[in-house]
Amino acid sequence: MLNPHLPEASPDLGPYHTRQHRANGGCNFHRACLELSQSLWLQEKPAQAILQLNKASMIPEQAAPYPALVWFLAHRKNHLFIGNPVRHFQHLASRMSGDHSKLRSWRAWACFHLAEISLPRSVFPRDQQQIDQEQLQIPVFRDIEKKLPSCDSSTLSVAKALAKNSAVTRP
């Protein structure tokens, strides 16, 4: 099933699809990451599909693909490895480095909250050990939204609505 929030893509794409655009970044790299994400989903590799969404979020002038993430989480198949997206985004947000690290960290925190809304806490918990050991302060969603660029506003609004509609009860 195609993710309606991503461009259509061939189901047999591999890493070469993004490599050719990585050096230049920009919209071609962003689109290639989204296409590869779709392809990896079709290949039943949801964890890798989510990682491609992370890469697409590296481009500051392009909106982060929040709705695609929420759709993946809502349509995950239990027998396929997805990892723990809540923990993944917690670690990503709190350990970000490199180009545009502040923006990428805020985007990862947004994904963290979207994952928390979308997934059951009993199966996808936060990394409490990291929170305790590092005295990690997890920002609230409204503070995160203030730090994101305007290009993220519409995609984040759509994603929040999708997440609330597909939200699970978090015990």
Protein backbone atom coordinates (compact mmCIF):
# COMPACT_ATOMS: atom_id res chain seq x y z
CA MET A 1 0.00 0.00 0.00
CA LEU A 2 1.41 3.37 -1.01
CA ASN A 3 1.90 6.09 1.57
CA PRO A 4 -0.31 8.89 0.21
CA HIS A 5 1.99 11.51 1.76
CA LEU A 6 4.97 10.46 -0.34
CA PRO A 7 5.66 10.52 -4.07
CA GLU A 8 5.10 7.34 -6.00
CA ALA A 9 8.23 5.27 -6.42
CA SER A 10 9.42 2.05 -7.92
CA PRO A 11 9.38 -0.78 -5.37
CA ASP A 12 12.97 -1.75 -6.15
CA LEU A 13 14.96 1.39 -5.34
CA GLY A 14 18.14 1.13 -3.30
CA PRO A 15 20.62 3.46 -1.60
CA TYR A 16 22.04 4.56 -4.96
CA HIS A 17 18.82 6.51 -5.46
CA THR A 18 19.78 9.13 -2.88
CA ARG A 19 23.58 8.97 -3.17
CA GLN A 20 23.60 10.71 -6.52
CA HIS A 21 21.97 13.80 -4.95
CA ARG A 22 23.53 13.83 -1.48
CA ALA A 23 26.48 16.11 -2.23
CA ASN A 24 24.26 18.84 -3.62
CA GLY A 25 21.45 18.34 -1.10
CA GLY A 26 18.49 20.55 -1.83
CA CYS A 27 15.16 19.60 -3.30
CA ASN A 28 16.53 16.75 -5.47
CA PHE A 29 18.02 15.02 -2.44
CA HIS A 30 14.84 15.66 -0.45
CA ARG A 31 12.64 14.15 -3.15
CA ALA A 32 14.99 11.19 -3.63
CA CYS A 33 14.81 10.44 0.11
CA LEU A 34 11.02 10.55 -0.01
CA GLU A 35 10.96 8.25 -3.04
CA LEU A 36 13.37 5.82 -1.41
CA SER A 37 11.26 5.89 1.75
CA GLN A 38 8.19 4.91 -0.26
CA SER A 39 10.15 2.16 -2.01
CA LEU A 40 11.51 0.75 1.25
CA TRP A 41 7.99 0.69 2.66
CA LEU A 42 6.85 -1.29 -0.38
CA GLN A 43 9.79 -3.64 0.22
CA GLU A 44 8.41 -4.17 3.75
CA LYS A 45 11.32 -2.40 5.42
CA PRO A 46 9.47 0.12 7.61
CA ALA A 47 12.39 1.00 9.90
CA GLN A 48 14.55 1.86 6.90
CA ALA A 49 11.68 3.81 5.37
CA ILE A 50 11.51 5.94 8.51
CA LEU A 51 15.27 6.53 8.39
CA GLN A 52 14.85 7.96 4.90
CA LEU A 53 12.30 10.40 6.29
CA ASN A 54 15.02 11.49 8.75
CA LYS A 55 17.32 12.17 5.82
CA ALA A 56 14.64 14.15 4.01
CA SER A 57 14.33 16.31 7.13
CA MET A 58 17.98 17.36 6.83
CA ILE A 59 17.16 19.94 4.17
CA PRO A 60 16.19 23.15 6.00
CA GLU A 61 14.25 24.80 3.18
CA GLN A 62 12.10 21.71 2.57
CA ALA A 63 9.19 20.81 4.83
CA ALA A 64 9.75 17.80 7.04
CA PRO A 65 7.58 14.83 6.01
CA TYR A 66 5.64 14.55 9.26
CA PRO A 67 2.41 13.20 7.70
CA ALA A 68 4.34 10.39 6.01
CA LEU A 69 5.79 9.36 9.37
CA VAL A 70 2.41 9.28 11.07
CA TRP A 71 0.96 7.29 8.18
CA PHE A 72 3.81 4.73 8.47
CA LEU A 73 3.21 4.39 12.20
CA ALA A 74 -0.54 3.97 11.75
CA HIS A 75 -0.13 1.36 9.00
CA ARG A 76 2.74 -0.64 10.46
CA LYS A 77 2.55 -4.40 10.38
CA ASN A 78 3.40 -6.03 13.67
CA HIS A 79 5.50 -8.77 12.08
CA LEU A 80 7.85 -6.26 10.41
CA PHE A 81 10.70 -4.58 12.28
CA ILE A 82 10.07 -0.94 13.00
CA GLY A 83 12.31 -0.53 16.02
CA ASN A 84 11.13 1.90 18.66
CA PRO A 85 10.40 5.19 16.89
CA VAL A 86 9.79 7.01 20.18
CA ARG A 87 13.22 6.06 21.52
CA HIS A 88 14.83 6.59 18.11
CA PHE A 89 13.58 10.17 17.85
CA GLN A 90 14.45 10.86 21.50
CA HIS A 91 18.03 9.79 20.84
CA LEU A 92 18.19 11.58 17.50
CA ALA A 93 16.88 14.85 18.94
CA SER A 94 19.12 14.81 22.00
CA ARG A 95 22.33 13.81 20.21
CA MET A 96 22.15 15.80 17.00
CA SER A 97 25.31 17.21 15.45
CA GLY A 98 26.44 18.46 12.08
CA ASP A 99 24.87 20.87 9.63
CA HIS A 100 21.65 22.51 10.75
CA SER A 101 21.74 20.49 13.97
CA LYS A 102 19.41 22.81 15.91
CA LEU A 103 16.69 22.65 13.27
CA ARG A 104 17.11 18.92 12.78
CA SER A 105 16.89 18.42 16.54
CA TRP A 106 13.62 20.38 16.75
CA ARG A 107 12.25 18.35 13.86
CA ALA A 108 13.25 15.12 15.61
CA TRP A 109 11.48 16.30 18.78
CA ALA A 110 8.36 16.92 16.71
CA CYS A 111 8.63 13.37 15.35
CA PHE A 112 9.15 12.09 18.89
CA HIS A 113 5.84 13.59 19.99
CA LEU A 114 4.03 12.39 16.87
CA ALA A 115 5.32 8.88 17.55
CA GLU A 116 4.20 9.09 21.17
CA ILE A 117 0.71 10.13 20.09
CA SER A 118 0.55 7.36 17.49
CA LEU A 119 2.03 4.37 19.31
CA PRO A 120 1.22 2.49 22.54
CA ARG A 121 3.60 3.44 25.35
CA SER A 122 3.73 -0.12 26.66
CA VAL A 123 5.33 -1.29 23.41
CA PHE A 124 7.19 1.90 22.42
CA PRO A 125 8.43 3.57 25.62
CA ARG A 126 10.74 6.52 26.08
CA ASP A 127 14.33 5.82 27.08
CA GLN A 128 13.87 6.55 30.76
CA GLN A 129 17.47 5.62 31.53
CA GLN A 130 18.73 8.38 29.22
CA ILE A 131 16.23 10.83 30.70
CA ASP A 132 17.41 10.03 34.23
CA GLN A 133 21.15 9.80 33.56
CA GLU A 134 21.38 12.90 31.37
CA GLN A 135 18.61 14.81 33.16
CA LEU A 136 17.11 15.18 29.72
CA GLN A 137 14.36 17.76 29.45
CA ILE A 138 11.90 16.81 26.74
CA PRO A 139 10.39 19.93 25.21
CA VAL A 140 6.62 20.23 24.96
CA PHE A 141 5.03 20.22 21.54
CA ARG A 142 3.94 23.87 21.57
CA ASP A 143 7.52 25.00 22.29
CA ILE A 144 8.82 22.81 19.48
CA GLU A 145 6.35 24.28 17.02
CA LYS A 146 7.69 27.78 17.76
CA LYS A 147 11.20 26.66 16.80
CA LEU A 148 10.28 25.10 13.46
CA PRO A 149 10.49 26.98 10.16
CA SER A 150 7.33 28.21 8.49
CA CYS A 151 7.69 25.56 5.76
CA ASP A 152 6.91 22.93 8.43
CA SER A 153 3.65 24.53 9.60
CA SER A 154 1.25 22.90 7.18
CA THR A 155 2.84 19.45 7.23
CA LEU A 156 2.97 19.45 11.02
CA SER A 157 -0.69 20.49 11.25
CA VAL A 158 -1.69 17.66 8.94
CA ALA A 159 0.45 15.19 10.88
CA LYS A 160 -0.99 16.22 14.23
CA ALA A 161 -4.52 15.74 12.91
CA LEU A 162 -3.61 12.34 11.46
CA ALA A 163 -1.93 11.30 14.71
CA LYS A 164 -4.92 12.32 16.80
CA ASN A 165 -7.27 10.43 14.48
CA SER A 166 -5.16 7.28 14.60
CA ALA A 167 -3.93 7.69 18.18
CA VAL A 168 -3.92 4.76 20.49
CA THR A 169 -4.72 4.87 24.15
CA ARG A 170 -1.36 5.11 25.87
CA PRO A 171 -1.57 3.08 29.09
